[in-house]
Amino acid sequence: MGTKYREVDADSYIPIEADKLVVGVRLPFNVFVEDKGTIKPLFNKETIFTSLARNILKEKGISRVYVAGEDKLSLYSYLQNNPSRKDSIDNVSKTFKEYSFYKEQHYPVDRVFLIPGMKINFSLFLLNKLSFKILMEATPKRPEIISEEVLTTEGDIVIKKSDIPLYQGYLNSLLKSENISGEDKSKIKTIIVKENAKITVKDLFDNPFNSENIKASKELVAKIIDCVLKDRDVIYDLVSLKTYDYYTYIHSVNVAIMSVGLGAAIGLKREDIEKLGIGALLHDIGKSAIPLEILNKQGSLDNTEFQIFKTHVIEGEKILRTHNNIPEESFDAVLQHHEKLSGKGYPSGLSKEAIKLFGRITAIADCYDALTTPRIKKYPLTPFFALSVIAKETINYDRELLKEFVKMLGKVK
């Protein structure tokens, strides 16, 4: 079920010397790399090419990269102009506040479920590049049919939070539809597990002391494990579903899926994978106690803000200690996902063997998802490059776990 990469085709891709990429400048095109005879995404369009990126290319011996033939005009302009400064970003603080408000009031839906020709009874909106607009109006009394045009838009398609029950009803209807093949239904059924996990974790972040949400979270972890153990390749479908912006509850689900996958890859017993999955799913629950102006701030946090942000680890433990049905081993993932083998992590500055297995696993999954998920003013790294960045930090992450993680996600596009 994994994604196959395209074979290198000289007519489809234009080779350029890697040293022609300019540090500090946004790339106006996607950049690819040849790996064992196939072409793989290396840098996404709009990524700022950094000195770290250049160093990694040199260390890997990558002297030539590729640009799609369709971008030859952009490539020509880029090489001719030879930009030498970082592009500036306008002051959009007011717009960003409005965007953040709408983001908090809505819920992102996966496009895979929005099938042209299917009828929905809830409205669709678009969040993209600090803008918010309605895509399609629908209500229970006036349902509408999804069109192809709706799905060609770029950005996050979202619904009102109050319409989540209607959305869940729609998801269940897909499994009964005669217009969807059995193979597609099987895939949809698997991805619905992730969708239900997102909804549950979102509810938990809104009310972290709700014991029913904790119970539902544990049940969903069991379903995720069932999917992964039944078919290891299912992880490619689950982690390839990306939004255009960062949502803490979606990040939590992604980290749980990858942690469960890695736990299975190294041969953990089912009961241990469940404990790992619970901790990974709840690893960021403490962010529910952090002010939104810090969580949603544009740019870097100042020292005071960062000190407040770091308390989400301890706050997460406090919240989960109020629930009496969290396995003790799960707390290792919650408390140690920001610890580093070098001792330069937080909150306790643990190092080497002091960091437990669940903490080491969750730290890798947490870092990878953070690198590959977009945020306002921060473009995501491609999976290939993100894995290269993490693999470079063997001083901070478990070397053997990293090898298994790279192997597990080697085919993710």
Foldseek 3Di string as FASTA:
>chain_A
DFDDFAFDDCVFKPKDFPVLQAAQEFAQFWKWADDPRGIDTFFHGRAHHHPVNVVLCVVVVNGMIITTPVCVVVVVVCSVVVDHHHDDDDPCVVLLVVLVVVVLQKDFDFCLLQDAFDKAAFWKWFRDLSDIGTDGHHHPVRIDGRHPVSVVDDATIITGPVCVVSVVVSLVVVLVDPVDDPVSSVLSVLQVLLVVQLNLLVVCLVPVLDVVSLVVNLVSLLSLLVVCVVPVSSLLVNLLRAGQADDVQNLLSQLLNLLLSLCVLVPHDPVVSSLLSSLSSLQQSLCSVQDVCLVQPPDDDPPVSVVSVQCSLVSSVVSCVSDPPRDPSSNLCNNQLQEFQLLPGDDVSDHDPVRDPSSQSSVLSSQLSVQQHDHNVHHHGGSVNSLSVVCVPVRGHPNVSSVSSCVSCVSRD
